[in-house]
Amino acid sequence: MTIEAMELLRHGIIARACMDYDTAIRYLARAPEKQTEGRTIQQEAVKAECERFFYSNWFRVLCELDGETVMRGVARNGYCGNNFTANSHIGRKIQGNKRRERRRKEMEEHEKRKRHS
């Protein structure tokens, strides 16, 4: 296996975990009436598995970043697998900013609902 292939594999593992984590926390942030019991249980398990991964030694081997920082970034901004592409095209960058703002509002609403429950 070449060094380039190893880098791609390493990036793919981390990207998949970020994507799964983003999907799980977005689903769990939905209003309860828009969730199903089975899917909620599944997404809670995915979220817990991703958190274990981000805190693991394996993650530290694959990535120089802190797992807590990565989770906060995904929660705040969502996951954009082509971030480098989005920043290179003005239209995509604007879409990314709108998505981040919508995501931030969703998470704020979720936190408010959680506090009032």
Protein backbone atom coordinates (compact mmCIF):
# COMPACT_ATOMS: atom_id res chain seq x y z
CA MET A 1 0.00 0.00 0.00
CA THR A 2 1.38 3.39 -0.96
CA ILE A 3 1.63 6.31 1.43
CA GLU A 4 -1.00 8.14 -0.61
CA ALA A 5 -3.39 5.19 -0.30
CA MET A 6 -2.83 5.06 3.47
CA GLU A 7 -3.57 8.78 3.74
CA LEU A 8 -6.78 8.34 1.76
CA LEU A 9 -7.85 5.44 3.97
CA ARG A 10 -7.06 7.42 7.12
CA HIS A 11 -9.04 10.39 5.82
CA GLY A 12 -11.92 8.13 4.77
CA ILE A 13 -12.23 6.58 8.23
CA ILE A 14 -12.32 9.98 9.92
CA ALA A 15 -14.66 11.46 7.31
CA ARG A 16 -17.10 8.58 7.72
CA ALA A 17 -17.13 9.00 11.50
CA CYS A 18 -17.79 12.75 11.10
CA MET A 19 -20.57 12.10 8.61
CA ASP A 20 -22.21 9.48 10.84
CA TYR A 21 -21.90 11.75 13.90
CA ASP A 22 -23.44 14.68 12.01
CA THR A 23 -26.34 12.55 10.77
CA ALA A 24 -27.00 11.21 14.28
CA ILE A 25 -26.96 14.56 16.09
CA ARG A 26 -29.10 16.20 13.40
CA TYR A 27 -31.68 13.43 13.67
CA LEU A 28 -31.71 13.60 17.48
CA ALA A 29 -32.12 17.40 17.33
CA ARG A 30 -35.41 17.03 15.44
CA ALA A 31 -38.68 17.66 17.17
CA PRO A 32 -39.84 14.45 18.94
CA GLU A 33 -42.92 14.17 16.71
CA LYS A 34 -40.63 13.93 13.68
CA GLN A 35 -38.70 10.97 15.13
CA THR A 36 -39.51 7.28 15.25
CA GLU A 37 -38.64 5.16 18.26
CA GLY A 38 -36.55 2.65 16.32
CA ARG A 39 -34.60 5.28 14.42
CA THR A 40 -34.02 7.29 17.60
CA ILE A 41 -32.51 4.25 19.33
CA GLN A 42 -30.36 3.58 16.26
CA GLN A 43 -29.10 7.17 16.03
CA GLU A 44 -28.37 7.32 19.79
CA ALA A 45 -26.23 4.18 19.35
CA VAL A 46 -24.44 5.68 16.33
CA LYS A 47 -23.76 8.90 18.26
CA ALA A 48 -22.36 6.96 21.23
CA GLU A 49 -20.19 4.82 18.94
CA CYS A 50 -18.80 7.89 17.19
CA GLU A 51 -18.07 9.59 20.52
CA ARG A 52 -16.18 6.49 21.69
CA PHE A 53 -14.19 6.59 18.45
CA PHE A 54 -13.35 10.31 18.78
CA TYR A 55 -12.07 9.73 22.34
CA SER A 56 -10.14 6.57 21.45
CA ASN A 57 -6.44 5.98 21.00
CA TRP A 58 -7.21 4.77 17.48
CA PHE A 59 -8.52 8.24 16.57
CA ARG A 60 -5.36 9.83 17.98
CA VAL A 61 -3.29 7.50 15.78
CA LEU A 62 -5.28 8.49 12.69
CA CYS A 63 -5.61 12.20 13.36
CA GLU A 64 -3.57 14.91 15.03
CA LEU A 65 -6.70 16.80 16.11
CA ASP A 66 -8.42 16.45 19.45
CA GLY A 67 -11.60 14.36 19.24
CA GLU A 68 -13.55 16.84 21.39
CA THR A 69 -12.63 19.63 18.98
CA VAL A 70 -13.75 17.59 15.99
CA MET A 71 -17.10 16.77 17.62
CA ARG A 72 -17.70 20.43 18.52
CA GLY A 73 -16.84 21.45 14.96
CA VAL A 74 -19.21 18.92 13.44
CA ALA A 75 -21.98 19.91 15.89
CA ARG A 76 -21.50 23.62 15.18
CA ASN A 77 -20.91 23.56 11.43
CA GLY A 78 -22.21 20.23 10.22
CA TYR A 79 -20.09 17.95 8.09
CA CYS A 80 -19.00 19.05 4.64
CA GLY A 81 -16.81 16.39 3.05
CA ASN A 82 -15.67 18.70 0.27
CA ASN A 83 -14.78 21.65 2.44
CA PHE A 84 -11.79 22.51 0.27
CA THR A 85 -14.06 22.58 -2.79
CA ALA A 86 -16.73 24.61 -1.05
CA ASN A 87 -14.20 27.28 -0.12
CA SER A 88 -12.86 27.50 -3.66
CA HIS A 89 -16.21 28.37 -5.25
CA ILE A 90 -18.09 31.43 -4.07
CA GLY A 91 -21.54 29.93 -4.69
CA ARG A 92 -20.74 26.81 -2.74
CA LYS A 93 -19.20 28.84 0.05
CA ILE A 94 -22.41 30.85 0.39
CA GLN A 95 -24.43 27.62 0.45
CA GLY A 96 -22.08 26.28 3.12
CA ASN A 97 -22.57 29.43 5.21
CA LYS A 98 -26.35 29.17 4.91
CA ARG A 99 -26.18 25.50 5.89
CA ARG A 100 -24.02 26.31 8.91
CA GLU A 101 -26.43 29.04 10.02
CA ARG A 102 -29.45 26.74 9.62
CA ARG A 103 -27.56 24.04 11.51
CA ARG A 104 -26.68 26.44 14.33
CA LYS A 105 -30.37 27.43 14.69
CA GLU A 106 -31.44 23.76 14.76
CA MET A 107 -28.97 22.99 17.52
CA GLU A 108 -30.01 26.07 19.56
CA GLU A 109 -33.67 25.01 19.32
CA HIS A 110 -32.71 21.49 20.38
CA GLU A 111 -30.81 22.80 23.41
CA LYS A 112 -33.77 24.99 24.42
CA ARG A 113 -36.16 22.01 24.18
CA LYS A 114 -33.76 19.91 26.21
CA ARG A 115 -33.55 22.52 28.98
CA HIS A 116 -37.33 22.91 29.18
CA SER A 117 -37.98 19.16 29.34
